[in-house]
Amino acid sequence: MASSAAPAGNTELFDRLCAAIARERGGTDVYLKAAHLLRRDNGAYSLVGLEEGGERAVYHYEGAFTSVMPFDAEGVRQDEAETLARNENVREGLHAVSYSWVRPEYRDLLG
Protein backbone atom coordinates (compact mmCIF):
# COMPACT_ATOMS: atom_id res chain seq x y z
CA MET A 1 0.00 0.00 0.00
CA ALA A 2 1.41 3.39 -0.99
CA SER A 3 2.07 5.95 1.69
CA SER A 4 1.17 9.61 1.32
CA ALA A 5 3.68 10.69 3.95
CA ALA A 6 6.30 13.26 2.97
CA PRO A 7 9.89 12.06 2.85
CA ALA A 8 11.80 13.05 6.00
CA GLY A 9 13.25 16.55 5.88
CA ASN A 10 11.13 17.67 2.94
CA THR A 11 8.02 18.90 4.74
CA GLU A 12 8.17 22.46 3.40
CA LEU A 13 8.89 21.27 -0.14
CA PHE A 14 6.09 18.71 0.15
CA ASP A 15 3.65 21.40 1.30
CA ARG A 16 4.61 23.74 -1.56
CA LEU A 17 4.31 20.94 -4.10
CA CYS A 18 0.89 19.92 -2.74
CA ALA A 19 -0.31 23.52 -3.04
CA ALA A 20 0.95 23.72 -6.63
CA ILE A 21 -0.73 20.45 -7.63
CA ALA A 22 -3.99 21.53 -5.98
CA ARG A 23 -3.86 24.90 -7.74
CA GLU A 24 -3.12 23.37 -11.16
CA ARG A 25 -5.19 20.19 -11.06
CA GLY A 26 -7.51 20.38 -8.09
CA GLY A 27 -9.24 17.15 -7.32
CA THR A 28 -8.32 14.47 -4.87
CA ASP A 29 -5.16 12.61 -3.94
CA VAL A 30 -2.98 15.74 -3.96
CA TYR A 31 -0.81 14.39 -1.14
CA LEU A 32 -0.38 11.03 -2.82
CA LYS A 33 0.59 12.66 -6.13
CA ALA A 34 3.15 14.87 -4.40
CA ALA A 35 4.58 11.90 -2.50
CA HIS A 36 5.06 9.99 -5.77
CA LEU A 37 6.86 12.96 -7.34
CA LEU A 38 9.20 13.39 -4.39
CA ARG A 39 9.85 9.66 -4.09
CA ARG A 40 11.35 9.82 -7.58
CA ASP A 41 13.50 12.78 -6.42
CA ASN A 42 16.18 10.40 -5.18
CA GLY A 43 19.59 11.95 -5.64
CA ALA A 44 20.24 10.96 -9.24
CA TYR A 45 16.91 12.41 -10.38
CA SER A 46 15.97 15.90 -9.21
CA LEU A 47 12.43 17.21 -9.40
CA VAL A 48 12.69 20.60 -11.10
CA GLY A 49 9.02 21.57 -11.19
CA LEU A 50 5.62 21.13 -12.76
CA GLU A 51 4.91 21.85 -16.37
CA GLU A 52 2.16 24.40 -17.00
CA GLY A 53 -1.18 22.68 -16.46
CA GLY A 54 0.28 20.41 -13.79
CA GLU A 55 -0.11 17.19 -15.76
CA ARG A 56 3.62 16.45 -16.06
CA ALA A 57 6.64 16.84 -13.82
CA VAL A 58 10.06 17.98 -15.01
CA TYR A 59 13.10 16.02 -13.82
CA HIS A 60 16.82 16.64 -14.26
CA TYR A 61 19.19 13.68 -14.19
CA GLU A 62 22.72 14.66 -13.04
CA GLY A 63 23.46 16.87 -16.04
CA ALA A 64 22.86 13.97 -18.42
CA PHE A 65 19.29 14.71 -19.49
CA THR A 66 16.05 16.52 -18.75
CA SER A 67 12.66 14.87 -19.12
CA VAL A 68 8.98 15.41 -18.44
CA MET A 69 6.80 12.63 -17.07
CA PRO A 70 3.06 12.42 -16.51
CA PHE A 71 1.91 11.52 -13.02
CA ASP A 72 -1.26 10.72 -11.13
CA ALA A 73 -2.38 9.12 -7.88
CA GLU A 74 -0.95 5.78 -9.08
CA GLY A 75 2.56 7.16 -9.55
CA VAL A 76 4.97 8.73 -12.01
CA ARG A 77 4.55 7.16 -15.43
CA GLN A 78 8.18 6.80 -16.53
CA ASP A 79 7.17 4.69 -19.53
CA GLU A 80 5.49 7.83 -20.96
CA ALA A 81 8.47 10.13 -20.33
CA GLU A 82 9.56 12.59 -22.98
CA THR A 83 13.25 13.50 -23.07
CA LEU A 84 13.67 17.23 -23.63
CA ALA A 85 17.45 17.47 -23.88
CA ARG A 86 20.66 15.54 -23.34
CA ASN A 87 24.22 16.33 -22.29
CA GLU A 88 25.35 19.86 -23.20
CA ASN A 89 21.77 20.87 -24.09
CA VAL A 90 20.29 20.12 -20.65
CA ARG A 91 20.13 23.78 -19.60
CA GLU A 92 18.31 24.71 -22.80
CA GLY A 93 15.89 21.84 -22.21
CA LEU A 94 15.11 23.13 -18.73
CA HIS A 95 14.50 26.62 -20.12
CA ALA A 96 12.21 25.31 -22.90
CA VAL A 97 9.50 24.29 -20.44
CA SER A 98 6.59 26.53 -19.44
CA TYR A 99 6.40 25.95 -15.69
CA SER A 100 3.46 26.36 -13.33
CA TRP A 101 5.72 25.69 -10.32
CA VAL A 102 9.51 25.56 -9.92
CA ARG A 103 11.36 24.02 -7.02
CA PRO A 104 13.15 26.72 -5.00
CA GLU A 105 16.62 25.32 -5.77
CA TYR A 106 16.03 25.82 -9.51
CA ARG A 107 14.46 29.29 -9.43
CA ASP A 108 17.71 31.22 -9.90
CA LEU A 109 18.73 29.02 -12.82
CA LEU A 110 15.33 29.32 -14.51
CA GLY A 111 14.47 32.89 -13.47
C-alpha atoms as a PDB file:
ATOM      1  CA  MET A   1       0.000   0.000   0.000  1.00  0.00           C
ATOM      2  CA  ALA A   2       1.406   3.388  -0.991  1.00  0.00           C
ATOM      3  CA  SER A   3       2.067   5.949   1.691  1.00  0.00           C
ATOM      4  CA  SER A   4       1.167   9.606   1.321  1.00  0.00           C
ATOM      5  CA  ALA A   5       3.685  10.690   3.952  1.00  0.00           C
ATOM      6  CA  ALA A   6       6.298  13.256   2.966  1.00  0.00           C
ATOM      7  CA  PRO A   7       9.892  12.057   2.849  1.00  0.00           C
ATOM      8  CA  ALA A   8      11.797  13.050   5.999  1.00  0.00           C
ATOM      9  CA  GLY A   9      13.251  16.554   5.882  1.00  0.00           C
ATOM     10  CA  ASN A  10      11.131  17.669   2.944  1.00  0.00           C
ATOM     11  CA  THR A  11       8.021  18.897   4.743  1.00  0.00           C
ATOM     12  CA  GLU A  12       8.172  22.459   3.404  1.00  0.00           C
ATOM     13  CA  LEU A  13       8.893  21.269  -0.138  1.00  0.00           C
ATOM     14  CA  PHE A  14       6.090  18.706   0.149  1.00  0.00           C
ATOM     15  CA  ASP A  15       3.645  21.397   1.302  1.00  0.00           C
ATOM     16  CA  ARG A  16       4.609  23.736  -1.561  1.00  0.00           C
ATOM     17  CA  LEU A  17       4.312  20.945  -4.098  1.00  0.00           C
ATOM     18  CA  CYS A  18       0.894  19.920  -2.743  1.00  0.00           C
ATOM     19  CA  ALA A  19      -0.310  23.519  -3.037  1.00  0.00           C
ATOM     20  CA  ALA A  20       0.950  23.720  -6.629  1.00  0.00           C
ATOM     21  CA  ILE A  21      -0.733  20.453  -7.628  1.00  0.00           C
ATOM     22  CA  ALA A  22      -3.994  21.530  -5.977  1.00  0.00           C
ATOM     23  CA  ARG A  23      -3.859  24.898  -7.745  1.00  0.00           C
ATOM     24  CA  GLU A  24      -3.124  23.373 -11.160  1.00  0.00           C
ATOM     25  CA  ARG A  25      -5.185  20.188 -11.060  1.00  0.00           C
ATOM     26  CA  GLY A  26      -7.513  20.382  -8.091  1.00  0.00           C
ATOM     27  CA  GLY A  27      -9.237  17.146  -7.318  1.00  0.00           C
ATOM     28  CA  THR A  28      -8.318  14.466  -4.870  1.00  0.00           C
ATOM     29  CA  ASP A  29      -5.157  12.608  -3.936  1.00  0.00           C
ATOM     30  CA  VAL A  30      -2.977  15.742  -3.965  1.00  0.00           C
ATOM     31  CA  TYR A  31      -0.814  14.386  -1.136  1.00  0.00           C
ATOM     32  CA  LEU A  32      -0.384  11.027  -2.815  1.00  0.00           C
ATOM     33  CA  LYS A  33       0.591  12.657  -6.132  1.00  0.00           C
ATOM     34  CA  ALA A  34       3.154  14.871  -4.397  1.00  0.00           C
ATOM     35  CA  ALA A  35       4.581  11.898  -2.504  1.00  0.00           C
ATOM     36  CA  HIS A  36       5.060   9.992  -5.769  1.00  0.00           C
ATOM     37  CA  LEU A  37       6.859  12.957  -7.345  1.00  0.00           C
ATOM     38  CA  LEU A  38       9.198  13.387  -4.385  1.00  0.00           C
ATOM     39  CA  ARG A  39       9.846   9.656  -4.086  1.00  0.00           C
ATOM     40  CA  ARG A  40      11.348   9.823  -7.577  1.00  0.00           C
ATOM     41  CA  ASP A  41      13.505  12.785  -6.421  1.00  0.00           C
ATOM     42  CA  ASN A  42      16.176  10.405  -5.178  1.00  0.00           C
ATOM     43  CA  GLY A  43      19.593  11.953  -5.643  1.00  0.00           C
ATOM     44  CA  ALA A  44      20.237  10.959  -9.235  1.00  0.00           C
ATOM     45  CA  TYR A  45      16.909  12.406 -10.380  1.00  0.00           C
ATOM     46  CA  SER A  46      15.972  15.899  -9.215  1.00  0.00           C
ATOM     47  CA  LEU A  47      12.435  17.206  -9.401  1.00  0.00           C
ATOM     48  CA  VAL A  48      12.686  20.604 -11.100  1.00  0.00           C
ATOM     49  CA  GLY A  49       9.016  21.567 -11.195  1.00  0.00           C
ATOM     50  CA  LEU A  50       5.619  21.129 -12.755  1.00  0.00           C
ATOM     51  CA  GLU A  51       4.911  21.850 -16.374  1.00  0.00           C
ATOM     52  CA  GLU A  52       2.162  24.400 -17.005  1.00  0.00           C
ATOM     53  CA  GLY A  53      -1.177  22.681 -16.465  1.00  0.00           C
ATOM     54  CA  GLY A  54       0.278  20.412 -13.787  1.00  0.00           C
ATOM     55  CA  GLU A  55      -0.114  17.187 -15.764  1.00  0.00           C
ATOM     56  CA  ARG A  56       3.617  16.446 -16.064  1.00  0.00           C
ATOM     57  CA  ALA A  57       6.640  16.837 -13.815  1.00  0.00           C
ATOM     58  CA  VAL A  58      10.057  17.977 -15.008  1.00  0.00           C
ATOM     59  CA  TYR A  59      13.096  16.020 -13.819  1.00  0.00           C
ATOM     60  CA  HIS A  60      16.817  16.640 -14.256  1.00  0.00           C
ATOM     61  CA  TYR A  61      19.186  13.682 -14.188  1.00  0.00           C
ATOM     62  CA  GLU A  62      22.718  14.663 -13.040  1.00  0.00           C
ATOM     63  CA  GLY A  63      23.461  16.870 -16.041  1.00  0.00           C
ATOM     64  CA  ALA A  64      22.856  13.974 -18.420  1.00  0.00           C
ATOM     65  CA  PHE A  65      19.289  14.712 -19.491  1.00  0.00           C
ATOM     66  CA  THR A  66      16.048  16.523 -18.748  1.00  0.00           C
ATOM     67  CA  SER A  67      12.664  14.871 -19.124  1.00  0.00           C
ATOM     68  CA  VAL A  68       8.977  15.406 -18.443  1.00  0.00           C
ATOM     69  CA  MET A  69       6.800  12.625 -17.071  1.00  0.00           C
ATOM     70  CA  PRO A  70       3.060  12.422 -16.506  1.00  0.00           C
ATOM     71  CA  PHE A  71       1.908  11.520 -13.020  1.00  0.00           C
ATOM     72  CA  ASP A  72      -1.265  10.722 -11.132  1.00  0.00           C
ATOM     73  CA  ALA A  73      -2.375   9.118  -7.877  1.00  0.00           C
ATOM     74  CA  GLU A  74      -0.953   5.784  -9.075  1.00  0.00           C
ATOM     75  CA  GLY A  75       2.564   7.156  -9.553  1.00  0.00           C
ATOM     76  CA  VAL A  76       4.974   8.732 -12.007  1.00  0.00           C
ATOM     77  CA  ARG A  77       4.551   7.157 -15.435  1.00  0.00           C
ATOM     78  CA  GLN A  78       8.178   6.804 -16.527  1.00  0.00           C
ATOM     79  CA  ASP A  79       7.171   4.695 -19.530  1.00  0.00           C
ATOM     80  CA  GLU A  80       5.493   7.830 -20.956  1.00  0.00           C
ATOM     81  CA  ALA A  81       8.474  10.130 -20.326  1.00  0.00           C
ATOM     82  CA  GLU A  82       9.563  12.593 -22.976  1.00  0.00           C
ATOM     83  CA  THR A  83      13.249  13.497 -23.072  1.00  0.00           C
ATOM     84  CA  LEU A  84      13.667  17.227 -23.626  1.00  0.00           C
ATOM     85  CA  ALA A  85      17.447  17.468 -23.881  1.00  0.00           C
ATOM     86  CA  ARG A  86      20.659  15.540 -23.339  1.00  0.00           C
ATOM     87  CA  ASN A  87      24.221  16.335 -22.285  1.00  0.00           C
ATOM     88  CA  GLU A  88      25.348  19.863 -23.197  1.00  0.00           C
ATOM     89  CA  ASN A  89      21.769  20.872 -24.093  1.00  0.00           C
ATOM     90  CA  VAL A  90      20.295  20.118 -20.649  1.00  0.00           C
ATOM     91  CA  ARG A  91      20.131  23.777 -19.596  1.00  0.00           C
ATOM     92  CA  GLU A  92      18.311  24.706 -22.804  1.00  0.00           C
ATOM     93  CA  GLY A  93      15.892  21.837 -22.212  1.00  0.00           C
ATOM     94  CA  LEU A  94      15.115  23.130 -18.734  1.00  0.00           C
ATOM     95  CA  HIS A  95      14.497  26.616 -20.123  1.00  0.00           C
ATOM     96  CA  ALA A  96      12.214  25.314 -22.902  1.00  0.00           C
ATOM     97  CA  VAL A  97       9.498  24.286 -20.439  1.00  0.00           C
ATOM     98  CA  SER A  98       6.592  26.535 -19.440  1.00  0.00           C
ATOM     99  CA  TYR A  99       6.396  25.953 -15.693  1.00  0.00           C
ATOM    100  CA  SER A 100       3.464  26.361 -13.327  1.00  0.00           C
ATOM    101  CA  TRP A 101       5.722  25.691 -10.319  1.00  0.00           C
ATOM    102  CA  VAL A 102       9.508  25.561  -9.924  1.00  0.00           C
ATOM    103  CA  ARG A 103      11.361  24.016  -7.022  1.00  0.00           C
ATOM    104  CA  PRO A 104      13.155  26.725  -5.003  1.00  0.00           C
ATOM    105  CA  GLU A 105      16.622  25.322  -5.772  1.00  0.00           C
ATOM    106  CA  TYR A 106      16.031  25.821  -9.510  1.00  0.00           C
ATOM    107  CA  ARG A 107      14.458  29.294  -9.431  1.00  0.00           C
ATOM    108  CA  ASP A 108      17.710  31.225  -9.903  1.00  0.00           C
ATOM    109  CA  LEU A 109      18.730  29.020 -12.821  1.00  0.00           C
ATOM    110  CA  LEU A 110      15.331  29.318 -14.510  1.00  0.00           C
ATOM    111  CA  GLY A 111      14.466  32.893 -13.471  1.00  0.00           C
END
